[in-house]
Amino acid sequence: MKKLSFLILLLFATTLTVRAQQPAPKNIVKADDQALAKIKAGKAYLVDVRTPEEFDGGHLQYATNINFNSPDFKAQIAKLDKHKPVYLYCRSGNRSGKAADTLKTLGFHSYYNIGGFEQLKADGFPAGQIQTSASRK
């Protein structure tokens, strides 16, 4: 009986360990024309959570850059109106998925991981001007 209990416990622990190592789902939501219209009208935020260097290499029009890897990410994102929808993107959808989790913990009402920059451009989102660090200041 002790051996059976030990084997069941071992199996359970192994299952938990394997599941913990799986990457979190990105939960990417396809942004539509209504989302873009809200962003253009200032009724929603479009947030690029990539690094400033990535942002400077190209970004979506109307996007604000708030670097997910920055130590003050939570403080910067918390400055946004929690009642406006927030559309998040990065390079692949991974960082923006993690950023969406952060918005949830901060009490935001509507937030969406819309995926990666290149795919969004291919889907018709307008790209912004390429900037240099000097032109952003």
N, C-alpha and C. Protein backbone atom coordinates (compact mmCIF):
# COMPACT_ATOMS: atom_id res chain seq x y z
N MET A 1 0.81 -1.19 0.00
CA MET A 1 0.00 0.00 0.00
C MET A 1 0.86 1.26 0.00
N LYS A 2 1.95 1.23 0.77
CA LYS A 2 2.85 2.39 0.81
C LYS A 2 3.51 2.61 -0.55
N LYS A 3 3.85 1.51 -1.24
CA LYS A 3 4.47 1.63 -2.56
C LYS A 3 3.49 2.24 -3.55
N LEU A 4 2.25 1.85 -3.50
CA LEU A 4 1.24 2.39 -4.40
C LEU A 4 1.04 3.88 -4.15
N SER A 5 0.95 4.25 -2.89
CA SER A 5 0.80 5.68 -2.54
C SER A 5 2.00 6.48 -3.02
N PHE A 6 3.18 5.92 -2.85
CA PHE A 6 4.40 6.60 -3.29
C PHE A 6 4.40 6.75 -4.81
N LEU A 7 4.01 5.73 -5.55
CA LEU A 7 3.97 5.80 -7.02
C LEU A 7 2.95 6.83 -7.50
N ILE A 8 1.81 6.88 -6.85
CA ILE A 8 0.79 7.87 -7.22
C ILE A 8 1.31 9.28 -6.96
N LEU A 9 1.94 9.48 -5.84
CA LEU A 9 2.51 10.78 -5.50
C LEU A 9 3.61 11.17 -6.48
N LEU A 10 4.45 10.22 -6.84
CA LEU A 10 5.52 10.47 -7.80
C LEU A 10 4.95 10.83 -9.17
N LEU A 11 3.94 10.13 -9.61
CA LEU A 11 3.29 10.42 -10.89
C LEU A 11 2.68 11.82 -10.88
N PHE A 12 2.01 12.17 -9.80
CA PHE A 12 1.41 13.49 -9.66
C PHE A 12 2.47 14.59 -9.71
N ALA A 13 3.56 14.41 -8.98
CA ALA A 13 4.64 15.40 -8.96
C ALA A 13 5.28 15.54 -10.33
N THR A 14 5.47 14.45 -11.03
CA THR A 14 6.05 14.48 -12.37
C THR A 14 5.13 15.23 -13.34
N THR A 15 3.85 14.98 -13.25
CA THR A 15 2.88 15.66 -14.11
C THR A 15 2.91 17.16 -13.86
N LEU A 16 2.95 17.57 -12.61
CA LEU A 16 3.01 19.00 -12.29
C LEU A 16 4.29 19.63 -12.80
N THR A 17 5.40 18.94 -12.68
CA THR A 17 6.68 19.47 -13.15
C THR A 17 6.67 19.66 -14.66
N VAL A 18 6.16 18.71 -15.39
CA VAL A 18 6.11 18.82 -16.85
C VAL A 18 5.19 19.96 -17.26
N ARG A 19 4.04 20.09 -16.64
CA ARG A 19 3.11 21.17 -16.98
C ARG A 19 3.69 22.54 -16.67
N ALA A 20 4.47 22.64 -15.60
CA ALA A 20 5.06 23.93 -15.22
C ALA A 20 6.09 24.39 -16.24
N GLN A 21 6.67 23.45 -16.97
CA GLN A 21 7.70 23.80 -17.94
C GLN A 21 7.12 24.15 -19.30
N GLN A 22 5.84 23.96 -19.50
CA GLN A 22 5.19 24.31 -20.76
C GLN A 22 5.08 25.83 -20.85
N PRO A 23 5.33 26.42 -22.02
CA PRO A 23 5.15 27.87 -22.15
C PRO A 23 3.68 28.23 -22.00
N ALA A 24 3.45 29.38 -21.41
CA ALA A 24 2.08 29.85 -21.24
C ALA A 24 1.47 30.14 -22.61
N PRO A 25 0.20 29.86 -22.79
CA PRO A 25 -0.43 30.18 -24.07
C PRO A 25 -0.43 31.69 -24.29
N LYS A 26 -0.26 32.10 -25.53
CA LYS A 26 -0.17 33.51 -25.85
C LYS A 26 -1.52 34.21 -25.83
N ASN A 27 -2.59 33.45 -26.05
CA ASN A 27 -3.94 34.02 -26.07
C ASN A 27 -4.04 35.24 -26.96
N ILE A 28 -3.62 35.09 -28.20
CA ILE A 28 -3.64 36.19 -29.16
C ILE A 28 -5.05 36.37 -29.71
N VAL A 29 -5.51 37.61 -29.69
CA VAL A 29 -6.81 37.98 -30.20
C VAL A 29 -6.59 38.77 -31.49
N LYS A 30 -7.28 38.41 -32.54
CA LYS A 30 -7.13 39.13 -33.81
C LYS A 30 -7.82 40.48 -33.70
N ALA A 31 -7.06 41.54 -33.92
CA ALA A 31 -7.61 42.89 -33.88
C ALA A 31 -8.35 43.15 -35.18
N ASP A 32 -9.48 43.81 -35.09
CA ASP A 32 -10.29 44.06 -36.28
C ASP A 32 -10.31 45.56 -36.60
N ASP A 33 -11.10 45.92 -37.62
CA ASP A 33 -11.21 47.32 -38.03
C ASP A 33 -11.79 48.20 -36.92
N GLN A 34 -12.69 47.63 -36.10
CA GLN A 34 -13.25 48.41 -35.00
C GLN A 34 -12.17 48.76 -33.97
N ALA A 35 -11.26 47.83 -33.73
CA ALA A 35 -10.16 48.12 -32.80
C ALA A 35 -9.31 49.25 -33.34
N LEU A 36 -8.98 49.19 -34.61
CA LEU A 36 -8.17 50.25 -35.22
C LEU A 36 -8.90 51.59 -35.17
N ALA A 37 -10.20 51.58 -35.42
CA ALA A 37 -10.98 52.82 -35.36
C ALA A 37 -10.97 53.41 -33.96
N LYS A 38 -11.10 52.55 -32.93
CA LYS A 38 -11.04 53.03 -31.54
C LYS A 38 -9.68 53.63 -31.23
N ILE A 39 -8.62 52.97 -31.71
CA ILE A 39 -7.26 53.46 -31.48
C ILE A 39 -7.07 54.81 -32.16
N LYS A 40 -7.48 54.92 -33.42
CA LYS A 40 -7.35 56.18 -34.17
C LYS A 40 -8.11 57.31 -33.49
N ALA A 41 -9.28 56.99 -32.93
CA ALA A 41 -10.12 58.01 -32.29
C ALA A 41 -9.66 58.36 -30.87
N GLY A 42 -8.64 57.67 -30.37
CA GLY A 42 -8.17 57.93 -29.02
C GLY A 42 -9.04 57.27 -27.95
N LYS A 43 -9.89 56.33 -28.36
CA LYS A 43 -10.77 55.65 -27.41
C LYS A 43 -10.16 54.35 -26.92
N ALA A 44 -8.97 54.02 -27.38
CA ALA A 44 -8.25 52.82 -26.96
C ALA A 44 -6.76 53.08 -27.12
N TYR A 45 -5.97 52.32 -26.40
CA TYR A 45 -4.51 52.43 -26.49
C TYR A 45 -3.96 51.31 -27.35
N LEU A 46 -2.90 51.61 -28.09
CA LEU A 46 -2.11 50.61 -28.80
C LEU A 46 -0.72 50.69 -28.18
N VAL A 47 -0.30 49.63 -27.50
CA VAL A 47 0.96 49.64 -26.76
C VAL A 47 1.90 48.59 -27.33
N ASP A 48 3.06 49.06 -27.76
CA ASP A 48 4.15 48.21 -28.22
C ASP A 48 5.02 47.94 -27.01
N VAL A 49 5.13 46.69 -26.59
CA VAL A 49 5.87 46.36 -25.37
C VAL A 49 7.30 45.91 -25.67
N ARG A 50 7.76 46.12 -26.91
CA ARG A 50 9.13 45.76 -27.25
C ARG A 50 10.11 46.79 -26.69
N THR A 51 11.39 46.53 -26.89
CA THR A 51 12.42 47.46 -26.42
C THR A 51 12.38 48.73 -27.27
N PRO A 52 12.93 49.83 -26.76
CA PRO A 52 12.99 51.06 -27.57
C PRO A 52 13.75 50.85 -28.89
N GLU A 53 14.77 50.01 -28.88
CA GLU A 53 15.53 49.75 -30.10
C GLU A 53 14.65 49.04 -31.14
N GLU A 54 13.85 48.08 -30.69
CA GLU A 54 12.93 47.40 -31.60
C GLU A 54 11.89 48.38 -32.13
N PHE A 55 11.36 49.19 -31.25
CA PHE A 55 10.36 50.19 -31.62
C PHE A 55 10.93 51.16 -32.66
N ASP A 56 12.17 51.60 -32.45
CA ASP A 56 12.82 52.53 -33.37
C ASP A 56 13.02 51.90 -34.75
N GLY A 57 13.13 50.59 -34.81
CA GLY A 57 13.31 49.89 -36.09
C GLY A 57 12.02 49.76 -36.88
N GLY A 58 10.91 50.14 -36.32
CA GLY A 58 9.60 50.08 -36.98
C GLY A 58 8.54 49.71 -35.97
N HIS A 59 7.40 50.33 -36.10
CA HIS A 59 6.29 50.09 -35.18
C HIS A 59 4.98 50.43 -35.87
N LEU A 60 3.89 50.08 -35.24
CA LEU A 60 2.58 50.41 -35.79
C LEU A 60 2.24 51.86 -35.52
N GLN A 61 1.53 52.46 -36.47
CA GLN A 61 1.08 53.82 -36.31
C GLN A 61 0.16 53.90 -35.09
N TYR A 62 0.22 54.98 -34.37
CA TYR A 62 -0.57 55.25 -33.16
C TYR A 62 -0.06 54.50 -31.92
N ALA A 63 1.03 53.75 -32.05
CA ALA A 63 1.54 52.96 -30.92
C ALA A 63 2.35 53.81 -29.96
N THR A 64 2.24 53.46 -28.70
CA THR A 64 3.06 54.00 -27.63
C THR A 64 4.00 52.89 -27.20
N ASN A 65 5.26 53.21 -26.99
CA ASN A 65 6.24 52.20 -26.58
C ASN A 65 6.38 52.20 -25.07
N ILE A 66 6.02 51.07 -24.45
CA ILE A 66 6.25 50.85 -23.03
C ILE A 66 6.95 49.50 -22.94
N ASN A 67 8.23 49.53 -22.67
CA ASN A 67 9.10 48.35 -22.69
C ASN A 67 8.74 47.38 -21.56
N PHE A 68 8.28 46.18 -21.94
CA PHE A 68 7.90 45.18 -20.94
C PHE A 68 9.08 44.79 -20.06
N ASN A 69 10.29 44.80 -20.61
CA ASN A 69 11.48 44.39 -19.86
C ASN A 69 12.05 45.50 -18.98
N SER A 70 11.46 46.66 -19.03
CA SER A 70 11.94 47.78 -18.22
C SER A 70 11.53 47.58 -16.76
N PRO A 71 12.40 47.96 -15.82
CA PRO A 71 12.05 47.81 -14.40
C PRO A 71 10.82 48.63 -14.00
N ASP A 72 10.52 49.70 -14.75
CA ASP A 72 9.36 50.52 -14.39
C ASP A 72 8.14 50.25 -15.28
N PHE A 73 8.09 49.06 -15.90
CA PHE A 73 6.96 48.74 -16.78
C PHE A 73 5.62 48.90 -16.07
N LYS A 74 5.49 48.33 -14.88
CA LYS A 74 4.22 48.41 -14.16
C LYS A 74 3.83 49.85 -13.87
N ALA A 75 4.79 50.66 -13.48
CA ALA A 75 4.51 52.06 -13.17
C ALA A 75 4.08 52.82 -14.43
N GLN A 76 4.73 52.53 -15.56
CA GLN A 76 4.39 53.22 -16.80
C GLN A 76 3.00 52.80 -17.31
N ILE A 77 2.73 51.51 -17.29
CA ILE A 77 1.45 51.01 -17.80
C ILE A 77 0.30 51.44 -16.89
N ALA A 78 0.58 51.59 -15.59
CA ALA A 78 -0.45 51.99 -14.63
C ALA A 78 -0.91 53.43 -14.85
N LYS A 79 -0.16 54.22 -15.61
CA LYS A 79 -0.54 55.60 -15.91
C LYS A 79 -1.69 55.67 -16.92
N LEU A 80 -1.94 54.57 -17.63
CA LEU A 80 -3.02 54.56 -18.62
C LEU A 80 -4.37 54.48 -17.92
N ASP A 81 -5.40 54.97 -18.60
CA ASP A 81 -6.77 54.91 -18.09
C ASP A 81 -7.23 53.45 -18.10
N LYS A 82 -7.56 52.92 -16.95
CA LYS A 82 -7.93 51.51 -16.82
C LYS A 82 -9.28 51.18 -17.45
N HIS A 83 -10.03 52.20 -17.82
CA HIS A 83 -11.35 51.97 -18.41
C HIS A 83 -11.30 51.93 -19.95
N LYS A 84 -10.18 52.35 -20.55
CA LYS A 84 -10.03 52.29 -22.00
C LYS A 84 -9.44 50.94 -22.39
N PRO A 85 -9.87 50.39 -23.52
CA PRO A 85 -9.25 49.15 -23.99
C PRO A 85 -7.77 49.36 -24.31
N VAL A 86 -6.96 48.34 -24.04
CA VAL A 86 -5.53 48.39 -24.33
C VAL A 86 -5.20 47.23 -25.26
N TYR A 87 -4.66 47.54 -26.43
CA TYR A 87 -4.23 46.53 -27.39
C TYR A 87 -2.71 46.45 -27.32
N LEU A 88 -2.20 45.27 -27.02
CA LEU A 88 -0.77 45.06 -26.80
C LEU A 88 -0.17 44.23 -27.91
N TYR A 89 1.04 44.60 -28.34
CA TYR A 89 1.75 43.76 -29.29
C TYR A 89 3.25 43.81 -29.01
N CYS A 90 3.96 42.84 -29.55
CA CYS A 90 5.42 42.78 -29.43
C CYS A 90 5.96 42.19 -30.74
N ARG A 91 6.99 41.39 -30.67
CA ARG A 91 7.54 40.77 -31.87
C ARG A 91 6.75 39.52 -32.25
N SER A 92 6.42 38.70 -31.25
CA SER A 92 5.79 37.41 -31.55
C SER A 92 4.47 37.19 -30.82
N GLY A 93 4.17 37.98 -29.81
CA GLY A 93 2.97 37.78 -29.00
C GLY A 93 3.28 37.25 -27.62
N ASN A 94 4.53 36.88 -27.37
CA ASN A 94 4.90 36.32 -26.06
C ASN A 94 4.96 37.41 -24.98
N ARG A 95 5.74 38.45 -25.22
CA ARG A 95 5.83 39.53 -24.21
C ARG A 95 4.50 40.24 -24.04
N SER A 96 3.77 40.42 -25.14
CA SER A 96 2.47 41.09 -25.01
C SER A 96 1.48 40.22 -24.24
N GLY A 97 1.63 38.90 -24.32
CA GLY A 97 0.80 38.01 -23.51
C GLY A 97 1.12 38.15 -22.03
N LYS A 98 2.40 38.26 -21.72
CA LYS A 98 2.81 38.46 -20.33
C LYS A 98 2.37 39.85 -19.85
N ALA A 99 2.44 40.83 -20.74
CA ALA A 99 2.01 42.18 -20.38
C ALA A 99 0.50 42.19 -20.09
N ALA A 100 -0.27 41.42 -20.86
CA ALA A 100 -1.71 41.33 -20.61
C ALA A 100 -1.98 40.77 -19.22
N ASP A 101 -1.18 39.79 -18.81
CA ASP A 101 -1.32 39.25 -17.45
C ASP A 101 -1.07 40.34 -16.41
N THR A 102 -0.09 41.20 -16.69
CA THR A 102 0.22 42.30 -15.77
C THR A 102 -0.96 43.28 -15.69
N LEU A 103 -1.55 43.61 -16.85
CA LEU A 103 -2.69 44.52 -16.85
C LEU A 103 -3.84 43.94 -16.04
N LYS A 104 -4.02 42.64 -16.13
CA LYS A 104 -5.07 41.98 -15.35
C LYS A 104 -4.84 42.21 -13.86
N THR A 105 -3.61 42.01 -13.40
CA THR A 105 -3.30 42.17 -11.98
C THR A 105 -3.43 43.63 -11.53
N LEU A 106 -3.26 44.57 -12.48
CA LEU A 106 -3.37 45.98 -12.14
C LEU A 106 -4.81 46.51 -12.18
N GLY A 107 -5.74 45.64 -12.58
CA GLY A 107 -7.15 46.04 -12.56
C GLY A 107 -7.68 46.66 -13.84
N PHE A 108 -7.00 46.48 -14.95
CA PHE A 108 -7.51 47.00 -16.22
C PHE A 108 -8.76 46.20 -16.61
N HIS A 109 -9.69 46.88 -17.28
CA HIS A 109 -10.96 46.25 -17.63
C HIS A 109 -10.91 45.51 -18.97
N SER A 110 -10.27 46.10 -19.98
CA SER A 110 -10.22 45.50 -21.32
C SER A 110 -8.80 45.58 -21.84
N TYR A 111 -8.21 44.43 -22.10
CA TYR A 111 -6.84 44.38 -22.61
C TYR A 111 -6.74 43.18 -23.54
N TYR A 112 -5.98 43.34 -24.62
CA TYR A 112 -5.92 42.31 -25.64
C TYR A 112 -4.50 42.14 -26.15
N ASN A 113 -4.05 40.93 -26.22
CA ASN A 113 -2.78 40.60 -26.85
C ASN A 113 -3.10 40.39 -28.32
N ILE A 114 -2.66 41.32 -29.17
CA ILE A 114 -2.98 41.21 -30.60
C ILE A 114 -1.83 40.63 -31.41
N GLY A 115 -0.77 40.19 -30.75
CA GLY A 115 0.26 39.41 -31.44
C GLY A 115 1.53 40.14 -31.78
N GLY A 116 2.09 39.78 -32.94
CA GLY A 116 3.40 40.25 -33.36
C GLY A 116 3.35 41.35 -34.40
N PHE A 117 4.36 42.19 -34.39
CA PHE A 117 4.46 43.36 -35.26
C PHE A 117 4.36 43.01 -36.74
N GLU A 118 5.17 42.07 -37.21
CA GLU A 118 5.19 41.75 -38.63
C GLU A 118 3.84 41.21 -39.10
N GLN A 119 3.22 40.35 -38.31
CA GLN A 119 1.91 39.81 -38.69
C GLN A 119 0.85 40.90 -38.72
N LEU A 120 0.91 41.82 -37.76
CA LEU A 120 -0.06 42.90 -37.73
C LEU A 120 0.09 43.81 -38.95
N LYS A 121 1.32 44.08 -39.36
CA LYS A 121 1.55 44.85 -40.59
C LYS A 121 0.96 44.11 -41.78
N ALA A 122 1.22 42.80 -41.85
CA ALA A 122 0.71 41.99 -42.96
C ALA A 122 -0.82 41.97 -42.97
N ASP A 123 -1.43 42.07 -41.79
CA ASP A 123 -2.89 42.08 -41.67
C ASP A 123 -3.51 43.44 -41.99
N GLY A 124 -2.67 44.44 -42.26
CA GLY A 124 -3.18 45.74 -42.67
C GLY A 124 -3.09 46.86 -41.66
N PHE A 125 -2.52 46.60 -40.49
CA PHE A 125 -2.32 47.70 -39.55
C PHE A 125 -1.26 48.63 -40.12
N PRO A 126 -1.51 49.93 -40.11
CA PRO A 126 -0.53 50.86 -40.68
C PRO A 126 0.73 50.97 -39.81
N ALA A 127 1.88 50.96 -40.46
CA ALA A 127 3.16 51.10 -39.74
C ALA A 127 3.46 52.57 -39.56
N GLY A 128 4.11 52.89 -38.43
CA GLY A 128 4.52 54.26 -38.15
C GLY A 128 5.86 54.56 -38.77
N GLN A 129 6.31 55.76 -38.56
CA GLN A 129 7.61 56.19 -39.06
C GLN A 129 8.72 55.52 -38.26
N ILE A 130 9.78 55.13 -38.93
CA ILE A 130 10.96 54.62 -38.24
C ILE A 130 11.61 55.80 -37.55
N GLN A 131 11.94 55.60 -36.28
CA GLN A 131 12.53 56.67 -35.49
C GLN A 131 13.89 56.26 -34.99
N THR A 132 14.67 57.24 -34.64
CA THR A 132 15.93 56.98 -33.96
C THR A 132 15.74 57.43 -32.52
N SER A 133 16.61 56.98 -31.65
CA SER A 133 16.48 57.37 -30.23
C SER A 133 16.51 58.88 -30.08
N ALA A 134 17.30 59.56 -30.90
CA ALA A 134 17.40 61.02 -30.80
C ALA A 134 16.08 61.68 -31.19
N SER A 135 15.37 61.13 -32.18
CA SER A 135 14.12 61.76 -32.61
C SER A 135 12.97 61.49 -31.68
N ARG A 136 13.10 60.53 -30.76
CA ARG A 136 12.04 60.21 -29.81
C ARG A 136 12.02 61.17 -28.64
N LYS A 137 13.11 61.87 -28.40
CA LYS A 137 13.23 62.72 -27.20
C LYS A 137 12.59 64.05 -27.39
